[in-house]
Amino acid sequence: FRQAPGKVREFVASISRSGASIYYADSPKGRFTISRDNAKNTV
């Protein structure tokens, strides 16, 4: 998620536990990529 000064916190992207489902907000779609490495406990 992200929050700009004076604005509400907004959704950017999410990923399911397996990585099988990924969603993006319209603004970053096509520019941002979410991924995860469960072996490293990192998104």
PDB file of all heavy atoms in Angstrom:
ATOM      1  N   PHE A   1       0.857  -1.173   0.000  1.00  0.00           N
ATOM      2  CA  PHE A   1       0.000   0.000   0.000  1.00  0.00           C
ATOM      3  C   PHE A   1       0.894   1.224   0.000  1.00  0.00           C
ATOM      4  O   PHE A   1       2.101   1.122   0.280  1.00  0.00           O
ATOM      5  CB  PHE A   1      -0.904   0.007   1.240  1.00  0.00           C
ATOM      6  CG  PHE A   1      -1.919  -1.099   1.260  1.00  0.00           C
ATOM      7  CD1 PHE A   1      -1.558  -2.388   1.628  1.00  0.00           C
ATOM      8  CD2 PHE A   1      -3.233  -0.863   0.903  1.00  0.00           C
ATOM      9  CE1 PHE A   1      -2.478  -3.418   1.631  1.00  0.00           C
ATOM     10  CE2 PHE A   1      -4.168  -1.880   0.911  1.00  0.00           C
ATOM     11  CZ  PHE A   1      -3.790  -3.160   1.273  1.00  0.00           C
ATOM     12  N   ARG A   2       0.310   2.380  -0.296  1.00  0.00           N
ATOM     13  CA  ARG A   2       1.095   3.612  -0.239  1.00  0.00           C
ATOM     14  C   ARG A   2       0.220   4.756   0.262  1.00  0.00           C
ATOM     15  O   ARG A   2      -0.997   4.726   0.122  1.00  0.00           O
ATOM     16  CB  ARG A   2       1.697   3.942  -1.601  1.00  0.00           C
ATOM     17  CG  ARG A   2       0.678   4.301  -2.685  1.00  0.00           C
ATOM     18  CD  ARG A   2       1.380   4.457  -4.033  1.00  0.00           C
ATOM     19  NE  ARG A   2       0.451   4.834  -5.092  1.00  0.00           N
ATOM     20  CZ  ARG A   2       0.779   4.926  -6.375  1.00  0.00           C
ATOM     21  NH1 ARG A   2       2.022   4.666  -6.768  1.00  0.00           N
ATOM     22  NH2 ARG A   2      -0.133   5.281  -7.270  1.00  0.00           N
ATOM     23  N   GLN A   3       0.889   5.735   0.836  1.00  0.00           N
ATOM     24  CA  GLN A   3       0.184   6.907   1.350  1.00  0.00           C
ATOM     25  C   GLN A   3       1.000   8.147   1.039  1.00  0.00           C
ATOM     26  O   GLN A   3       2.137   8.293   1.516  1.00  0.00           O
ATOM     27  CB  GLN A   3      -0.070   6.789   2.855  1.00  0.00           C
ATOM     28  CG  GLN A   3      -0.950   7.888   3.407  1.00  0.00           C
ATOM     29  CD  GLN A   3      -1.453   7.577   4.809  1.00  0.00           C
ATOM     30  OE1 GLN A   3      -0.930   6.706   5.506  1.00  0.00           O
ATOM     31  NE2 GLN A   3      -2.492   8.272   5.225  1.00  0.00           N
ATOM     32  N   ALA A   4       0.411   9.019   0.244  1.00  0.00           N
ATOM     33  CA  ALA A   4       1.026  10.295  -0.086  1.00  0.00           C
ATOM     34  C   ALA A   4       0.572  11.336   0.925  1.00  0.00           C
ATOM     35  O   ALA A   4      -0.477  11.179   1.557  1.00  0.00           O
ATOM     36  CB  ALA A   4       0.642  10.708  -1.497  1.00  0.00           C
ATOM     37  N   PRO A   5       1.331  12.406   1.085  1.00  0.00           N
ATOM     38  CA  PRO A   5       0.954  13.457   2.045  1.00  0.00           C
ATOM     39  C   PRO A   5      -0.448  13.984   1.772  1.00  0.00           C
ATOM     40  O   PRO A   5      -0.784  14.326   0.631  1.00  0.00           O
ATOM     41  CB  PRO A   5       2.012  14.528   1.823  1.00  0.00           C
ATOM     42  CG  PRO A   5       3.187  13.793   1.294  1.00  0.00           C
ATOM     43  CD  PRO A   5       2.622  12.696   0.442  1.00  0.00           C
ATOM     44  N   GLY A   6      -1.274  14.030   2.818  1.00  0.00           N
ATOM     45  CA  GLY A   6      -2.619  14.564   2.691  1.00  0.00           C
ATOM     46  C   GLY A   6      -3.616  13.639   2.033  1.00  0.00           C
ATOM     47  O   GLY A   6      -4.763  14.035   1.791  1.00  0.00           O
ATOM     48  N   LYS A   7      -3.199  12.408   1.730  1.00  0.00           N
ATOM     49  CA  LYS A   7      -4.095  11.458   1.066  1.00  0.00           C
ATOM     50  C   LYS A   7      -4.280  10.216   1.917  1.00  0.00           C
ATOM     51  O   LYS A   7      -3.486   9.939   2.817  1.00  0.00           O
ATOM     52  CB  LYS A   7      -3.544  11.082  -0.305  1.00  0.00           C
ATOM     53  CG  LYS A   7      -3.474  12.244  -1.285  1.00  0.00           C
ATOM     54  CD  LYS A   7      -3.078  11.768  -2.671  1.00  0.00           C
ATOM     55  CE  LYS A   7      -3.079  12.917  -3.658  1.00  0.00           C
ATOM     56  NZ  LYS A   7      -2.713  12.460  -5.039  1.00  0.00           N
ATOM     57  N   VAL A   8      -5.337   9.479   1.628  1.00  0.00           N
ATOM     58  CA  VAL A   8      -5.569   8.238   2.358  1.00  0.00           C
ATOM     59  C   VAL A   8      -4.652   7.147   1.827  1.00  0.00           C
ATOM     60  O   VAL A   8      -4.149   7.223   0.703  1.00  0.00           O
ATOM     61  CB  VAL A   8      -7.044   7.793   2.244  1.00  0.00           C
ATOM     62  CG1 VAL A   8      -7.972   8.852   2.827  1.00  0.00           C
ATOM     63  CG2 VAL A   8      -7.407   7.496   0.804  1.00  0.00           C
ATOM     64  N   ARG A   9      -4.430   6.139   2.667  1.00  0.00           N
ATOM     65  CA  ARG A   9      -3.618   5.007   2.247  1.00  0.00           C
ATOM     66  C   ARG A   9      -4.353   4.259   1.141  1.00  0.00           C
ATOM     67  O   ARG A   9      -5.543   3.995   1.245  1.00  0.00           O
ATOM     68  CB  ARG A   9      -3.365   4.089   3.436  1.00  0.00           C
ATOM     69  CG  ARG A   9      -2.358   2.995   3.178  1.00  0.00           C
ATOM     70  CD  ARG A   9      -1.977   2.292   4.462  1.00  0.00           C
ATOM     71  NE  ARG A   9      -1.345   3.205   5.407  1.00  0.00           N
ATOM     72  CZ  ARG A   9      -0.765   2.801   6.544  1.00  0.00           C
ATOM     73  NH1 ARG A   9      -0.758   1.508   6.868  1.00  0.00           N
ATOM     74  NH2 ARG A   9      -0.228   3.687   7.355  1.00  0.00           N
ATOM     75  N   GLU A  10      -3.642   3.919   0.085  1.00  0.00           N
ATOM     76  CA  GLU A  10      -4.273   3.255  -1.046  1.00  0.00           C
ATOM     77  C   GLU A  10      -3.577   1.949  -1.400  1.00  0.00           C
ATOM     78  O   GLU A  10      -2.372   1.797  -1.224  1.00  0.00           O
ATOM     79  CB  GLU A  10      -4.289   4.168  -2.280  1.00  0.00           C
ATOM     80  CG  GLU A  10      -2.942   4.513  -2.852  1.00  0.00           C
ATOM     81  CD  GLU A  10      -3.046   5.314  -4.148  1.00  0.00           C
ATOM     82  OE1 GLU A  10      -4.172   5.647  -4.581  1.00  0.00           O
ATOM     83  OE2 GLU A  10      -1.988   5.600  -4.741  1.00  0.00           O
ATOM     84  N   PHE A  11      -4.367   1.049  -1.934  1.00  0.00           N
ATOM     85  CA  PHE A  11      -3.879  -0.250  -2.366  1.00  0.00           C
ATOM     86  C   PHE A  11      -2.982  -0.106  -3.586  1.00  0.00           C
ATOM     87  O   PHE A  11      -3.277   0.673  -4.495  1.00  0.00           O
ATOM     88  CB  PHE A  11      -5.085  -1.136  -2.697  1.00  0.00           C
ATOM     89  CG  PHE A  11      -4.762  -2.419  -3.381  1.00  0.00           C
ATOM     90  CD1 PHE A  11      -4.226  -3.481  -2.670  1.00  0.00           C
ATOM     91  CD2 PHE A  11      -4.983  -2.583  -4.738  1.00  0.00           C
ATOM     92  CE1 PHE A  11      -3.937  -4.680  -3.301  1.00  0.00           C
ATOM     93  CE2 PHE A  11      -4.711  -3.771  -5.381  1.00  0.00           C
ATOM     94  CZ  PHE A  11      -4.179  -4.820  -4.658  1.00  0.00           C
ATOM     95  N   VAL A  12      -1.892  -0.863  -3.596  1.00  0.00           N
ATOM     96  CA  VAL A  12      -0.990  -0.887  -4.748  1.00  0.00           C
ATOM     97  C   VAL A  12      -1.029  -2.254  -5.425  1.00  0.00           C
ATOM     98  O   VAL A  12      -1.276  -2.361  -6.620  1.00  0.00           O
ATOM     99  CB  VAL A  12       0.448  -0.548  -4.330  1.00  0.00           C
ATOM    100  CG1 VAL A  12       1.398  -0.695  -5.527  1.00  0.00           C
ATOM    101  CG2 VAL A  12       0.526   0.860  -3.751  1.00  0.00           C
ATOM    102  N   ALA A  13      -0.770  -3.309  -4.642  1.00  0.00           N
ATOM    103  CA  ALA A  13      -0.727  -4.652  -5.200  1.00  0.00           C
ATOM    104  C   ALA A  13      -0.846  -5.671  -4.087  1.00  0.00           C
ATOM    105  O   ALA A  13      -0.514  -5.380  -2.936  1.00  0.00           O
ATOM    106  CB  ALA A  13       0.572  -4.880  -5.971  1.00  0.00           C
ATOM    107  N   SER A  14      -1.312  -6.863  -4.431  1.00  0.00           N
ATOM    108  CA  SER A  14      -1.347  -7.958  -3.462  1.00  0.00           C
ATOM    109  C   SER A  14      -1.058  -9.275  -4.161  1.00  0.00           C
ATOM    110  O   SER A  14      -1.231  -9.398  -5.388  1.00  0.00           O
ATOM    111  CB  SER A  14      -2.694  -8.025  -2.741  1.00  0.00           C
ATOM    112  OG  SER A  14      -3.735  -8.335  -3.645  1.00  0.00           O
ATOM    113  N   ILE A  15      -0.630 -10.235  -3.360  1.00  0.00           N
ATOM    114  CA  ILE A  15      -0.258 -11.543  -3.891  1.00  0.00           C
ATOM    115  C   ILE A  15      -0.692 -12.605  -2.904  1.00  0.00           C
ATOM    116  O   ILE A  15      -0.536 -12.458  -1.691  1.00  0.00           O
ATOM    117  CB  ILE A  15       1.266 -11.592  -4.157  1.00  0.00           C
ATOM    118  CG1 ILE A  15       1.672 -12.891  -4.839  1.00  0.00           C
ATOM    119  CG2 ILE A  15       2.072 -11.361  -2.886  1.00  0.00           C
ATOM    120  CD1 ILE A  15       3.114 -12.856  -5.375  1.00  0.00           C
ATOM    121  N   SER A  16      -1.259 -13.684  -3.412  1.00  0.00           N
ATOM    122  CA  SER A  16      -1.725 -14.767  -2.542  1.00  0.00           C
ATOM    123  C   SER A  16      -0.540 -15.548  -1.981  1.00  0.00           C
ATOM    124  O   SER A  16       0.608 -15.370  -2.407  1.00  0.00           O
ATOM    125  CB  SER A  16      -2.647 -15.702  -3.325  1.00  0.00           C
ATOM    126  OG  SER A  16      -1.933 -16.318  -4.393  1.00  0.00           O
ATOM    127  N   ARG A  17      -0.808 -16.421  -1.039  1.00  0.00           N
ATOM    128  CA  ARG A  17       0.256 -17.166  -0.368  1.00  0.00           C
ATOM    129  C   ARG A  17       1.090 -17.973  -1.343  1.00  0.00           C
ATOM    130  O   ARG A  17       2.280 -18.167  -1.137  1.00  0.00           O
ATOM    131  CB  ARG A  17      -0.340 -18.077   0.700  1.00  0.00           C
ATOM    132  CG  ARG A  17      -1.348 -19.089   0.186  1.00  0.00           C
ATOM    133  CD  ARG A  17      -1.803 -20.051   1.274  1.00  0.00           C
ATOM    134  NE  ARG A  17      -0.758 -21.024   1.585  1.00  0.00           N
ATOM    135  CZ  ARG A  17      -0.905 -22.029   2.448  1.00  0.00           C
ATOM    136  NH1 ARG A  17      -2.061 -22.158   3.100  1.00  0.00           N
ATOM    137  NH2 ARG A  17       0.061 -22.869   2.683  1.00  0.00           N
ATOM    138  N   SER A  18       0.488 -18.452  -2.388  1.00  0.00           N
ATOM    139  CA  SER A  18       1.204 -19.275  -3.362  1.00  0.00           C
ATOM    140  C   SER A  18       1.754 -18.466  -4.529  1.00  0.00           C
ATOM    141  O   SER A  18       2.529 -18.988  -5.328  1.00  0.00           O
ATOM    142  CB  SER A  18       0.258 -20.344  -3.920  1.00  0.00           C
ATOM    143  OG  SER A  18      -0.773 -19.712  -4.665  1.00  0.00           O
ATOM    144  N   GLY A  19       1.310 -17.211  -4.636  1.00  0.00           N
ATOM    145  CA  GLY A  19       1.674 -16.406  -5.806  1.00  0.00           C
ATOM    146  C   GLY A  19       0.761 -16.638  -6.994  1.00  0.00           C
ATOM    147  O   GLY A  19       0.960 -16.037  -8.050  1.00  0.00           O
ATOM    148  N   ALA A  20      -0.252 -17.506  -6.825  1.00  0.00           N
ATOM    149  CA  ALA A  20      -1.131 -17.842  -7.942  1.00  0.00           C
ATOM    150  C   ALA A  20      -2.080 -16.711  -8.298  1.00  0.00           C
ATOM    151  O   ALA A  20      -2.527 -16.612  -9.446  1.00  0.00           O
ATOM    152  CB  ALA A  20      -1.923 -19.102  -7.610  1.00  0.00           C
ATOM    153  N   SER A  21      -2.415 -15.863  -7.325  1.00  0.00           N
ATOM    154  CA  SER A  21      -3.300 -14.721  -7.594  1.00  0.00           C
ATOM    155  C   SER A  21      -2.571 -13.432  -7.271  1.00  0.00           C
ATOM    156  O   SER A  21      -1.983 -13.300  -6.190  1.00  0.00           O
ATOM    157  CB  SER A  21      -4.566 -14.806  -6.735  1.00  0.00           C
ATOM    158  OG  SER A  21      -5.411 -15.818  -7.191  1.00  0.00           O
ATOM    159  N   ILE A  22      -2.624 -12.513  -8.194  1.00  0.00           N
ATOM    160  CA  ILE A  22      -1.977 -11.205  -8.048  1.00  0.00           C
ATOM    161  C   ILE A  22      -2.949 -10.132  -8.530  1.00  0.00           C
ATOM    162  O   ILE A  22      -3.599 -10.304  -9.571  1.00  0.00           O
ATOM    163  CB  ILE A  22      -0.667 -11.141  -8.855  1.00  0.00           C
ATOM    164  CG1 ILE A  22       0.397 -12.040  -8.213  1.00  0.00           C
ATOM    165  CG2 ILE A  22      -0.163  -9.712  -8.954  1.00  0.00           C
ATOM    166  CD1 ILE A  22       1.688 -12.134  -8.999  1.00  0.00           C
ATOM    167  N   TYR A  23      -3.043  -9.062  -7.770  1.00  0.00           N
ATOM    168  CA  TYR A  23      -3.892  -7.936  -8.154  1.00  0.00           C
ATOM    169  C   TYR A  23      -3.084  -6.653  -8.086  1.00  0.00           C
ATOM    170  O   TYR A  23      -2.206  -6.496  -7.235  1.00  0.00           O
ATOM    171  CB  TYR A  23      -5.105  -7.830  -7.233  1.00  0.00           C
ATOM    172  CG  TYR A  23      -6.058  -8.988  -7.341  1.00  0.00           C
ATOM    173  CD1 TYR A  23      -6.072  -9.988  -6.373  1.00  0.00           C
ATOM    174  CD2 TYR A  23      -6.938  -9.095  -8.412  1.00  0.00           C
ATOM    175  CE1 TYR A  23      -6.937 -11.060  -6.467  1.00  0.00           C
ATOM    176  CE2 TYR A  23      -7.804 -10.164  -8.511  1.00  0.00           C
ATOM    177  CZ  TYR A  23      -7.802 -11.146  -7.543  1.00  0.00           C
ATOM    178  OH  TYR A  23      -8.665 -12.205  -7.644  1.00  0.00           O
ATOM    179  N   TYR A  24      -3.422  -5.731  -8.963  1.00  0.00           N
ATOM    180  CA  TYR A  24      -2.794  -4.415  -8.983  1.00  0.00           C
ATOM    181  C   TYR A  24      -3.875  -3.344  -9.019  1.00  0.00           C
ATOM    182  O   TYR A  24      -4.930  -3.527  -9.633  1.00  0.00           O
ATOM    183  CB  TYR A  24      -1.899  -4.238 -10.213  1.00  0.00           C
ATOM    184  CG  TYR A  24      -0.714  -5.158 -10.263  1.00  0.00           C
ATOM    185  CD1 TYR A  24      -0.738  -6.323 -11.020  1.00  0.00           C
ATOM    186  CD2 TYR A  24       0.444  -4.861  -9.553  1.00  0.00           C
ATOM    187  CE1 TYR A  24       0.356  -7.181 -11.069  1.00  0.00           C
ATOM    188  CE2 TYR A  24       1.545  -5.707  -9.602  1.00  0.00           C
ATOM    189  CZ  TYR A  24       1.488  -6.862 -10.354  1.00  0.00           C
ATOM    190  OH  TYR A  24       2.566  -7.698 -10.385  1.00  0.00           O
ATOM    191  N   ALA A  25      -3.574  -2.206  -8.418  1.00  0.00           N
ATOM    192  CA  ALA A  25      -4.405  -1.030  -8.622  1.00  0.00           C
ATOM    193  C   ALA A  25      -4.207  -0.561 -10.060  1.00  0.00           C
ATOM    194  O   ALA A  25      -3.216  -0.908 -10.718  1.00  0.00           O
ATOM    195  CB  ALA A  25      -4.013   0.061  -7.635  1.00  0.00           C
ATOM    196  N   ASP A  26      -5.139   0.240 -10.545  1.00  0.00           N
ATOM    197  CA  ASP A  26      -5.061   0.686 -11.941  1.00  0.00           C
ATOM    198  C   ASP A  26      -3.826   1.539 -12.217  1.00  0.00           C
ATOM    199  O   ASP A  26      -3.193   1.409 -13.267  1.00  0.00           O
ATOM    200  CB  ASP A  26      -6.319   1.465 -12.307  1.00  0.00           C
ATOM    201  CG  ASP A  26      -7.538   0.583 -12.432  1.00  0.00           C
ATOM    202  OD1 ASP A  26      -7.366  -0.638 -12.616  1.00  0.00           O
ATOM    203  OD2 ASP A  26      -8.664   1.109 -12.337  1.00  0.00           O
ATOM    204  N   SER A  27      -3.470   2.403 -11.269  1.00  0.00           N
ATOM    205  CA  SER A  27      -2.386   3.346 -11.511  1.00  0.00           C
ATOM    206  C   SER A  27      -1.043   2.664 -11.786  1.00  0.00           C
ATOM    207  O   SER A  27      -0.371   3.017 -12.755  1.00  0.00           O
ATOM    208  CB  SER A  27      -2.267   4.321 -10.337  1.00  0.00           C
ATOM    209  OG  SER A  27      -1.155   5.178 -10.516  1.00  0.00           O
ATOM    210  N   PRO A  28      -0.615   1.707 -10.955  1.00  0.00           N
ATOM    211  CA  PRO A  28       0.685   1.096 -11.206  1.00  0.00           C
ATOM    212  C   PRO A  28       0.671  -0.091 -12.168  1.00  0.00           C
ATOM    213  O   PRO A  28       1.726  -0.634 -12.487  1.00  0.00           O
ATOM    214  CB  PRO A  28       1.117   0.631  -9.816  1.00  0.00           C
ATOM    215  CG  PRO A  28      -0.156   0.366  -9.105  1.00  0.00           C
ATOM    216  CD  PRO A  28      -1.151   1.344  -9.649  1.00  0.00           C
ATOM    217  N   LYS A  29      -0.502  -0.483 -12.615  1.00  0.00           N
ATOM    218  CA  LYS A  29      -0.606  -1.675 -13.459  1.00  0.00           C
ATOM    219  C   LYS A  29       0.242  -1.513 -14.715  1.00  0.00           C
ATOM    220  O   LYS A  29       0.191  -0.480 -15.396  1.00  0.00           O
ATOM    221  CB  LYS A  29      -2.054  -1.929 -13.831  1.00  0.00           C
ATOM    222  CG  LYS A  29      -2.312  -3.292 -14.461  1.00  0.00           C
ATOM    223  CD  LYS A  29      -3.790  -3.502 -14.707  1.00  0.00           C
ATOM    224  CE  LYS A  29      -4.583  -3.539 -13.428  1.00  0.00           C
ATOM    225  NZ  LYS A  29      -6.027  -3.793 -13.657  1.00  0.00           N
ATOM    226  N   GLY A  30       1.039  -2.526 -15.015  1.00  0.00           N
ATOM    227  CA  GLY A  30       1.919  -2.480 -16.171  1.00  0.00           C
ATOM    228  C   GLY A  30       3.280  -1.889 -15.872  1.00  0.00           C
ATOM    229  O   GLY A  30       4.203  -2.024 -16.678  1.00  0.00           O
ATOM    230  N   ARG A  31       3.424  -1.244 -14.728  1.00  0.00           N
ATOM    231  CA  ARG A  31       4.713  -0.644 -14.338  1.00  0.00           C
ATOM    232  C   ARG A  31       5.301  -1.317 -13.108  1.00  0.00           C
ATOM    233  O   ARG A  31       6.523  -1.370 -12.963  1.00  0.00           O
ATOM    234  CB  ARG A  31       4.537   0.848 -14.061  1.00  0.00           C
ATOM    235  CG  ARG A  31       4.012   1.644 -15.239  1.00  0.00           C
ATOM    236  CD  ARG A  31       3.974   3.140 -14.926  1.00  0.00           C
ATOM    237  NE  ARG A  31       3.040   3.467 -13.851  1.00  0.00           N
ATOM    238  CZ  ARG A  31       3.400   4.056 -12.712  1.00  0.00           C
ATOM    239  NH1 ARG A  31       4.661   4.406 -12.513  1.00  0.00           N
ATOM    240  NH2 ARG A  31       2.484   4.326 -11.791  1.00  0.00           N
ATOM    241  N   PHE A  32       4.449  -1.788 -12.224  1.00  0.00           N
ATOM    242  CA  PHE A  32       4.899  -2.427 -10.981  1.00  0.00           C
ATOM    243  C   PHE A  32       4.671  -3.927 -11.065  1.00  0.00           C
ATOM    244  O   PHE A  32       3.721  -4.398 -11.683  1.00  0.00           O
ATOM    245  CB  PHE A  32       4.115  -1.884  -9.784  1.00  0.00           C
ATOM    246  CG  PHE A  32       4.377  -0.443  -9.431  1.00  0.00           C
ATOM    247  CD1 PHE A  32       5.161   0.374 -10.223  1.00  0.00           C
ATOM    248  CD2 PHE A  32       3.831   0.093  -8.274  1.00  0.00           C
ATOM    249  CE1 PHE A  32       5.392   1.694  -9.899  1.00  0.00           C
ATOM    250  CE2 PHE A  32       4.050   1.419  -7.921  1.00  0.00           C
ATOM    251  CZ  PHE A  32       4.823   2.216  -8.739  1.00  0.00           C
ATOM    252  N   THR A  33       5.546  -4.678 -10.384  1.00  0.00           N
ATOM    253  CA  THR A  33       5.406  -6.126 -10.306  1.00  0.00           C
ATOM    254  C   THR A  33       5.620  -6.572  -8.866  1.00  0.00           C
ATOM    255  O   THR A  33       6.654  -6.278  -8.274  1.00  0.00           O
ATOM    256  CB  THR A  33       6.427  -6.833 -11.209  1.00  0.00           C
ATOM    257  OG1 THR A  33       6.259  -6.394 -12.566  1.00  0.00           O
ATOM    258  CG2 THR A  33       6.241  -8.348 -11.140  1.00  0.00           C
ATOM    259  N   ILE A  34       4.631  -7.273  -8.343  1.00  0.00           N
ATOM    260  CA  ILE A  34       4.760  -7.844  -7.005  1.00  0.00           C
ATOM    261  C   ILE A  34       5.171  -9.308  -7.138  1.00  0.00           C
ATOM    262  O   ILE A  34       4.722 -10.014  -8.050  1.00  0.00           O
ATOM    263  CB  ILE A  34       3.441  -7.713  -6.203  1.00  0.00           C
ATOM    264  CG1 ILE A  34       3.640  -8.122  -4.745  1.00  0.00           C
ATOM    265  CG2 ILE A  34       2.315  -8.503  -6.855  1.00  0.00           C
ATOM    266  CD1 ILE A  34       2.431  -7.818  -3.854  1.00  0.00           C
ATOM    267  N   SER A  35       6.033  -9.751  -6.240  1.00  0.00           N
ATOM    268  CA  SER A  35       6.460 -11.147  -6.242  1.00  0.00           C
ATOM    269  C   SER A  35       6.837 -11.524  -4.822  1.00  0.00           C
ATOM    270  O   SER A  35       6.951 -10.665  -3.949  1.00  0.00           O
ATOM    271  CB  SER A  35       7.640 -11.361  -7.185  1.00  0.00           C
ATOM    272  OG  SER A  35       8.764 -10.598  -6.773  1.00  0.00           O
ATOM    273  N   ARG A  36       7.010 -12.812  -4.595  1.00  0.00           N
ATOM    274  CA  ARG A  36       7.378 -13.259  -3.251  1.00  0.00           C
ATOM    275  C   ARG A  36       8.305 -14.452  -3.343  1.00  0.00           C
ATOM    276  O   ARG A  36       8.255 -15.230  -4.309  1.00  0.00           O
ATOM    277  CB  ARG A  36       6.140 -13.607  -2.435  1.00  0.00           C
ATOM    278  CG  ARG A  36       5.332 -14.791  -2.934  1.00  0.00           C
ATOM    279  CD  ARG A  36       4.010 -14.913  -2.163  1.00  0.00           C
ATOM    280  NE  ARG A  36       4.229 -15.173  -0.752  1.00  0.00           N
ATOM    281  CZ  ARG A  36       3.296 -14.965   0.184  1.00  0.00           C
ATOM    282  NH1 ARG A  36       2.116 -14.461  -0.139  1.00  0.00           N
ATOM    283  NH2 ARG A  36       3.570 -15.243   1.449  1.00  0.00           N
ATOM    284  N   ASP A  37       9.132 -14.590  -2.329  1.00  0.00           N
ATOM    285  CA  ASP A  37      10.027 -15.731  -2.189  1.00  0.00           C
ATOM    286  C   ASP A  37       9.764 -16.310  -0.805  1.00  0.00           C
ATOM    287  O   ASP A  37      10.260 -15.788   0.202  1.00  0.00           O
ATOM    288  CB  ASP A  37      11.481 -15.286  -2.340  1.00  0.00           C
ATOM    289  CG  ASP A  37      12.446 -16.447  -2.337  1.00  0.00           C
ATOM    290  OD1 ASP A  37      12.097 -17.527  -1.828  1.00  0.00           O
ATOM    291  OD2 ASP A  37      13.573 -16.277  -2.834  1.00  0.00           O
ATOM    292  N   ASN A  38       8.978 -17.362  -0.766  1.00  0.00           N
ATOM    293  CA  ASN A  38       8.590 -17.917   0.535  1.00  0.00           C
ATOM    294  C   ASN A  38       9.783 -18.535   1.272  1.00  0.00           C
ATOM    295  O   ASN A  38       9.774 -18.614   2.500  1.00  0.00           O
ATOM    296  CB  ASN A  38       7.479 -18.946   0.359  1.00  0.00           C
ATOM    297  CG  ASN A  38       6.146 -18.302   0.023  1.00  0.00           C
ATOM    298  OD1 ASN A  38       5.949 -17.098   0.228  1.00  0.00           O
ATOM    299  ND2 ASN A  38       5.219 -19.085  -0.510  1.00  0.00           N
ATOM    300  N   ALA A  39      10.783 -18.950   0.553  1.00  0.00           N
ATOM    301  CA  ALA A  39      11.971 -19.508   1.206  1.00  0.00           C
ATOM    302  C   ALA A  39      12.751 -18.427   1.953  1.00  0.00           C
ATOM    303  O   ALA A  39      13.467 -18.721   2.911  1.00  0.00           O
ATOM    304  CB  ALA A  39      12.862 -20.175   0.173  1.00  0.00           C
ATOM    305  N   LYS A  40      12.602 -17.177   1.510  1.00  0.00           N
ATOM    306  CA  LYS A  40      13.305 -16.062   2.148  1.00  0.00           C
ATOM    307  C   LYS A  40      12.372 -15.202   2.991  1.00  0.00           C
ATOM    308  O   LYS A  40      12.790 -14.157   3.500  1.00  0.00           O
ATOM    309  CB  LYS A  40      13.973 -15.191   1.076  1.00  0.00           C
ATOM    310  CG  LYS A  40      15.072 -15.901   0.308  1.00  0.00           C
ATOM    311  CD  LYS A  40      15.727 -14.960  -0.707  1.00  0.00           C
ATOM    312  CE  LYS A  40      16.862 -15.661  -1.442  1.00  0.00           C
ATOM    313  NZ  LYS A  40      17.509 -14.765  -2.438  1.00  0.00           N
ATOM    314  N   ASN A  41      11.108 -15.597   3.107  1.00  0.00           N
ATOM    315  CA  ASN A  41      10.126 -14.811   3.869  1.00  0.00           C
ATOM    316  C   ASN A  41      10.076 -13.360   3.390  1.00  0.00           C
ATOM    317  O   ASN A  41       9.962 -12.436   4.208  1.00  0.00           O
ATOM    318  CB  ASN A  41      10.437 -14.846   5.370  1.00  0.00           C
ATOM    319  CG  ASN A  41       9.953 -16.115   6.032  1.00  0.00           C
ATOM    320  OD1 ASN A  41       9.566 -17.069   5.359  1.00  0.00           O
ATOM    321  ND2 ASN A  41       9.992 -16.145   7.352  1.00  0.00           N
ATOM    322  N   THR A  42      10.148 -13.166   2.101  1.00  0.00           N
ATOM    323  CA  THR A  42      10.253 -11.819   1.550  1.00  0.00           C
ATOM    324  C   THR A  42       9.281 -11.615   0.396  1.00  0.00           C
ATOM    325  O   THR A  42       9.111 -12.512  -0.441  1.00  0.00           O
ATOM    326  CB  THR A  42      11.687 -11.537   1.081  1.00  0.00           C
ATOM    327  OG1 THR A  42      12.584 -11.686   2.195  1.00  0.00           O
ATOM    328  CG2 THR A  42      11.824 -10.132   0.529  1.00  0.00           C
ATOM    329  N   VAL A  43       8.679 -10.436   0.387  1.00  0.00           N
ATOM    330  CA  VAL A  43       7.848 -10.009  -0.732  1.00  0.00           C
ATOM    331  C   VAL A  43       8.496  -8.782  -1.347  1.00  0.00           C
ATOM    332  O   VAL A  43       9.102  -7.972  -0.632  1.00  0.00           O
ATOM    333  CB  VAL A  43       6.397  -9.733  -0.288  1.00  0.00           C
ATOM    334  CG1 VAL A  43       6.315  -8.620   0.728  1.00  0.00           C
ATOM    335  CG2 VAL A  43       5.497  -9.443  -1.480  1.00  0.00           C
TER     336      VAL A  43
END
